[in-house]
Amino acid sequence: MDFDFSRIAVPFRMQPGLGRVDADALRLTPLDPAGPLYAEKRAVLEAGASRQALPGFDPQPALDAIAARGPQPPRAPVVPVELAFEEDFAVLDGATGTLPWLCVCVPSHWAPEEKLGLGFAALHRPVADNAALVAASQQLVALATGGDCWERFVWTVSASGRYDQHPRRHARESWPAAEDAHAFAARCWLRAERQTFFPVGQGTRQAVFAIRVMLQPLQDAVRTPEQAQRLHDSLASMSQAVLDYKNLSAAREPLLRWLKSLC
């Protein structure tokens, strides 16, 4: 799992956390046809549920910008963008501040079809402790669609090892029994996302929003006492609103016990 624990904020805060990325260095991640992510994305694609678009919107400039970020081997067969990269995608329109197109197979407990055409503030209205995000909506849209490349990281602990967590395709996995903290942690997964923005160009005021979901068994992900301490302190500092939003209310106490035993 390509996730740096230094990305875990202590204390935890819901914030944009955008960092500039060298445009020449921003590359998408080729999708391994033998991996579980490929199988899950393919199932959504074949069900016709991977893409949403506003009437009349032309996604070709965005698709060209996506292809340019992930070189294919010579003479490689053309594959749908869903199966070419680990990332899911959306287009952010700088003129309207809305999402006119989404290509999302493995959402983290949100329904892409409900986000189509929404403005940036409306998109983040369900997020807990969202005041900073909502207040900065216009500035964030201008920043993300201004022609530079940006990245941010988000994370959570999940009871499910499934990549696709669309709320209507899959019921939320129940947490295991909490009496034994080590047994509890053995049933948990660290779920992280690298989210990037890069320009579409071609005369548009659009940016591609790319989401790479990464999953690893929690006990494999936490490898050092320092990592355990950082995750412990971030979880311990979460507000009740954030715990409810992330479905971590019932999980925090056994997770804190397990992490403390590793410090």
Protein backbone atom coordinates (compact mmCIF):
# COMPACT_ATOMS: atom_id res chain seq x y z
CA MET A 1 0.00 0.00 0.00
CA ASP A 2 1.52 3.29 -1.13
CA PHE A 3 0.49 5.43 1.84
CA ASP A 4 2.75 7.47 4.12
CA PHE A 5 1.57 7.60 7.74
CA SER A 6 2.87 11.16 7.95
CA ARG A 7 -0.29 12.01 5.96
CA ILE A 8 -2.33 11.18 9.08
CA ALA A 9 -2.98 14.49 10.82
CA VAL A 10 -2.68 14.84 14.59
CA PRO A 11 -4.99 16.22 15.80
CA PHE A 12 -7.44 15.08 13.15
CA ARG A 13 -9.16 17.85 11.20
CA MET A 14 -11.45 17.90 8.18
CA GLN A 15 -9.55 20.26 5.87
CA PRO A 16 -8.67 20.59 2.16
CA GLY A 17 -4.99 19.75 2.70
CA LEU A 18 -4.02 20.37 -0.93
CA GLY A 19 -0.34 20.15 -1.85
CA ARG A 20 1.15 21.19 -5.17
CA VAL A 21 2.49 18.41 -7.42
CA ASP A 22 5.06 18.73 -10.18
CA ALA A 23 3.01 18.42 -13.37
CA ASP A 24 5.67 16.31 -15.07
CA ALA A 25 5.75 13.88 -12.14
CA LEU A 26 2.00 13.29 -11.83
CA ARG A 27 1.25 9.86 -13.26
CA LEU A 28 -1.74 7.58 -12.95
CA THR A 29 -1.45 3.99 -11.71
CA PRO A 30 -1.85 1.15 -14.24
CA LEU A 31 -4.53 -1.32 -13.15
CA ASP A 32 -3.35 -4.93 -12.71
CA PRO A 33 -5.76 -7.25 -14.59
CA ALA A 34 -4.96 -10.02 -12.09
CA GLY A 35 -5.89 -7.98 -9.01
CA PRO A 36 -9.14 -7.72 -7.04
CA LEU A 37 -9.58 -4.04 -7.91
CA TYR A 38 -9.73 -4.93 -11.62
CA ALA A 39 -12.46 -7.51 -10.97
CA GLU A 40 -14.55 -5.04 -8.96
CA LYS A 41 -14.17 -2.22 -11.48
CA ARG A 42 -14.98 -4.55 -14.37
CA ALA A 43 -18.21 -5.67 -12.66
CA VAL A 44 -19.38 -2.06 -12.34
CA LEU A 45 -18.38 -1.28 -15.94
CA GLU A 46 -20.21 -4.31 -17.32
CA ALA A 47 -23.31 -3.37 -15.32
CA GLY A 48 -23.33 0.01 -17.10
CA ALA A 49 -22.99 1.84 -13.78
CA SER A 50 -19.54 3.40 -14.07
CA ARG A 51 -20.27 6.71 -15.85
CA GLN A 52 -22.62 9.64 -15.32
CA ALA A 53 -22.72 12.76 -17.50
CA LEU A 54 -24.86 15.86 -17.85
CA PRO A 55 -26.70 16.04 -21.19
CA GLY A 56 -24.50 17.48 -23.92
CA PHE A 57 -21.24 17.30 -21.97
CA ASP A 58 -18.26 16.14 -24.08
CA PRO A 59 -15.81 14.12 -21.94
CA GLN A 60 -13.26 13.61 -24.73
CA PRO A 61 -10.89 16.42 -23.68
CA ALA A 62 -10.84 14.98 -20.15
CA LEU A 63 -10.31 11.45 -21.47
CA ASP A 64 -7.38 12.73 -23.54
CA ALA A 65 -5.89 14.42 -20.45
CA ILE A 66 -6.31 11.19 -18.46
CA ALA A 67 -4.63 9.10 -21.18
CA ALA A 68 -1.70 11.51 -21.25
CA ARG A 69 -1.02 10.82 -17.55
CA GLY A 70 -0.66 7.06 -17.98
CA PRO A 71 1.45 5.80 -20.86
CA GLN A 72 0.49 2.48 -22.36
CA PRO A 73 2.95 -0.10 -23.71
CA PRO A 74 3.51 0.06 -27.50
CA ARG A 75 0.68 -1.50 -29.49
CA ALA A 76 -1.26 -2.17 -26.31
CA PRO A 77 -4.96 -2.81 -26.95
CA VAL A 78 -7.22 0.13 -26.19
CA VAL A 79 -9.15 -0.52 -22.96
CA PRO A 80 -11.86 1.55 -21.25
CA VAL A 81 -10.48 4.12 -18.85
CA GLU A 82 -12.19 2.24 -16.03
CA LEU A 83 -9.88 -0.74 -16.60
CA ALA A 84 -6.73 1.13 -17.61
CA PHE A 85 -6.04 2.77 -14.24
CA GLU A 86 -6.57 2.18 -10.54
CA GLU A 87 -7.99 5.68 -10.28
CA ASP A 88 -11.61 6.74 -10.63
CA PHE A 89 -12.30 10.12 -12.23
CA ALA A 90 -14.55 13.16 -12.24
CA VAL A 91 -14.42 16.48 -14.09
CA LEU A 92 -14.58 19.72 -12.13
CA ASP A 93 -15.74 22.66 -14.25
CA GLY A 94 -14.07 25.88 -13.15
CA ALA A 95 -16.72 28.04 -14.82
CA THR A 96 -19.64 26.56 -12.89
CA GLY A 97 -17.93 24.87 -9.94
CA THR A 98 -19.85 21.67 -10.70
CA LEU A 99 -19.16 18.05 -11.68
CA PRO A 100 -20.58 17.51 -15.20
CA TRP A 101 -19.03 14.02 -15.63
CA LEU A 102 -18.03 11.15 -13.36
CA CYS A 103 -16.39 7.81 -14.05
CA VAL A 104 -16.43 6.14 -10.63
CA CYS A 105 -16.45 2.40 -9.94
CA VAL A 106 -15.30 2.11 -6.32
CA PRO A 107 -16.77 4.95 -4.25
CA SER A 108 -16.26 5.07 -0.49
CA HIS A 109 -19.86 4.97 0.78
CA TRP A 110 -21.20 7.62 -1.60
CA ALA A 111 -23.32 7.41 -4.74
CA PRO A 112 -21.70 9.09 -7.78
CA GLU A 113 -25.04 9.46 -9.54
CA GLU A 114 -26.18 11.75 -6.71
CA LYS A 115 -23.18 14.08 -7.17
CA LEU A 116 -23.65 14.77 -10.88
CA GLY A 117 -24.10 18.49 -11.54
CA LEU A 118 -23.67 19.54 -7.92
CA GLY A 119 -21.58 22.53 -6.88
CA PHE A 120 -18.47 22.16 -4.72
CA ALA A 121 -20.17 23.38 -1.53
CA ALA A 122 -23.14 21.04 -2.04
CA LEU A 123 -20.78 18.13 -2.67
CA HIS A 124 -19.21 18.59 0.76
CA ARG A 125 -22.37 19.42 2.70
CA PRO A 126 -22.73 15.84 4.10
CA VAL A 127 -19.11 15.88 5.36
CA ALA A 128 -18.72 16.19 9.13
CA ASP A 129 -17.01 19.31 10.52
CA ASN A 130 -17.21 20.77 7.01
CA ALA A 131 -17.19 24.50 7.81
CA ALA A 132 -13.67 25.11 6.48
CA LEU A 133 -14.35 23.16 3.26
CA VAL A 134 -17.67 24.89 2.54
CA ALA A 135 -16.35 28.36 3.36
CA ALA A 136 -13.40 27.90 0.99
CA SER A 137 -15.45 26.37 -1.86
CA GLN A 138 -14.97 29.14 -4.41
CA GLN A 139 -11.26 29.49 -3.67
CA LEU A 140 -10.74 25.72 -3.87
CA VAL A 141 -12.50 25.47 -7.24
CA ALA A 142 -10.37 28.33 -8.59
CA LEU A 143 -7.23 26.67 -7.24
CA ALA A 144 -8.03 23.19 -8.55
CA THR A 145 -8.97 24.42 -12.04
CA GLY A 146 -6.25 27.07 -12.34
CA GLY A 147 -3.89 24.95 -14.44
CA ASP A 148 -1.63 23.48 -11.74
CA CYS A 149 -1.58 19.95 -10.31
CA TRP A 150 -2.58 19.18 -6.71
CA GLU A 151 -2.92 16.23 -4.38
CA ARG A 152 -4.45 15.37 -1.02
CA PHE A 153 -4.83 12.19 1.03
CA VAL A 154 -7.74 10.90 3.06
CA TRP A 155 -7.98 7.74 5.14
CA THR A 156 -10.22 5.68 7.38
CA VAL A 157 -10.43 2.25 8.98
CA SER A 158 -13.00 -0.07 7.43
CA ALA A 159 -14.56 -3.40 8.33
CA SER A 160 -14.65 -4.32 4.65
CA GLY A 161 -11.89 -5.39 2.26
CA ARG A 162 -14.12 -4.56 -0.70
CA TYR A 163 -13.03 -1.66 -2.92
CA ASP A 164 -16.52 -0.87 -4.21
CA GLN A 165 -18.50 0.52 -1.28
CA HIS A 166 -21.40 2.05 -3.18
CA PRO A 167 -24.14 2.32 -0.55
CA ARG A 168 -26.83 0.80 -2.77
CA ARG A 169 -24.71 -1.97 -4.28
CA HIS A 170 -23.26 -3.20 -1.00
CA ALA A 171 -24.55 -2.98 2.56
CA ARG A 172 -22.04 -1.59 5.02
CA GLU A 173 -20.00 -4.35 6.67
CA SER A 174 -20.66 -4.80 10.39
CA TRP A 175 -17.83 -4.36 12.87
CA PRO A 176 -16.61 -7.56 14.55
CA ALA A 177 -16.99 -8.22 18.27
CA ALA A 178 -14.92 -5.71 20.25
CA GLU A 179 -13.95 -7.68 23.38
CA ASP A 180 -10.58 -8.86 22.03
CA ALA A 181 -8.80 -5.83 20.55
CA HIS A 182 -6.28 -7.93 18.59
CA ALA A 183 -9.02 -10.09 17.05
CA PHE A 184 -10.94 -6.90 16.25
CA ALA A 185 -7.97 -5.35 14.46
CA ALA A 186 -7.40 -8.55 12.50
CA ARG A 187 -10.79 -8.00 10.84
CA CYS A 188 -10.11 -4.36 9.91
CA TRP A 189 -8.66 -2.66 6.84
CA LEU A 190 -6.83 0.62 6.35
CA ARG A 191 -8.54 2.40 3.45
CA ALA A 192 -6.74 5.42 2.02
CA GLU A 193 -7.26 7.60 -1.04
CA ARG A 194 -4.81 9.70 -2.99
CA GLN A 195 -6.89 12.43 -4.64
CA THR A 196 -5.32 14.52 -7.39
CA PHE A 197 -6.36 17.39 -9.63
CA PHE A 198 -4.77 18.02 -13.01
CA PRO A 199 -5.81 20.32 -15.87
CA VAL A 200 -7.83 19.16 -18.86
CA GLY A 201 -6.45 22.02 -20.98
CA GLN A 202 -7.53 22.23 -24.64
CA GLY A 203 -9.16 25.59 -24.03
CA THR A 204 -11.33 24.42 -21.14
CA ARG A 205 -11.51 25.63 -17.55
CA GLN A 206 -11.78 22.06 -16.38
CA ALA A 207 -9.71 19.83 -14.11
CA VAL A 208 -9.73 16.06 -13.77
CA PHE A 209 -10.27 14.89 -10.20
CA ALA A 210 -8.63 11.45 -9.83
CA ILE A 211 -9.25 9.15 -6.86
CA ARG A 212 -6.96 6.20 -6.18
CA VAL A 213 -8.35 3.88 -3.50
CA MET A 214 -5.78 1.82 -1.58
CA LEU A 215 -6.64 -1.05 0.78
CA GLN A 216 -4.51 -3.10 3.15
CA PRO A 217 -5.27 -5.29 6.18
CA LEU A 218 -4.81 -3.00 9.17
CA GLN A 219 -2.39 -5.33 10.96
CA ASP A 220 -0.15 -5.38 7.88
CA ALA A 221 -0.35 -1.61 7.38
CA VAL A 222 0.76 -0.65 10.91
CA ARG A 223 4.38 -1.78 10.98
CA THR A 224 6.12 0.40 13.58
CA PRO A 225 5.37 1.81 17.05
CA GLU A 226 5.56 5.30 15.55
CA GLN A 227 2.86 4.49 13.02
CA ALA A 228 0.69 2.95 15.73
CA GLN A 229 1.09 6.05 17.90
CA ARG A 230 0.20 8.42 15.08
CA LEU A 231 -2.91 6.48 14.11
CA HIS A 232 -3.87 6.17 17.78
CA ASP A 233 -3.55 9.91 18.40
CA SER A 234 -5.47 10.85 15.26
CA LEU A 235 -8.34 8.49 16.10
CA ALA A 236 -8.38 9.71 19.71
CA SER A 237 -8.72 13.32 18.56
CA MET A 238 -11.69 12.81 16.22
CA SER A 239 -14.89 14.61 17.09
CA GLN A 240 -18.07 12.62 17.57
CA ALA A 241 -19.41 14.10 14.32
CA VAL A 242 -16.39 12.78 12.41
CA LEU A 243 -16.63 9.36 14.09
CA ASP A 244 -20.29 9.13 13.07
CA TYR A 245 -19.53 10.30 9.52
CA LYS A 246 -16.76 7.72 9.13
CA ASN A 247 -18.75 4.98 10.92
CA LEU A 248 -15.96 4.69 13.51
CA SER A 249 -17.94 5.31 16.71
CA ALA A 250 -18.15 1.62 17.64
CA ALA A 251 -14.63 0.90 16.38
CA ARG A 252 -12.59 3.60 18.07
CA GLU A 253 -12.30 2.07 21.55
CA PRO A 254 -11.04 -1.41 20.48
CA LEU A 255 -8.79 0.18 17.87
CA LEU A 256 -7.25 2.50 20.46
CA ARG A 257 -6.62 -0.48 22.78
CA TRP A 258 -4.94 -2.42 20.00
CA LEU A 259 -2.83 0.50 18.81
CA LYS A 260 -1.74 1.31 22.38
CA SER A 261 -0.46 -2.24 22.74
CA LEU A 262 1.86 -1.64 19.76
CA CYS A 263 3.33 1.66 20.93
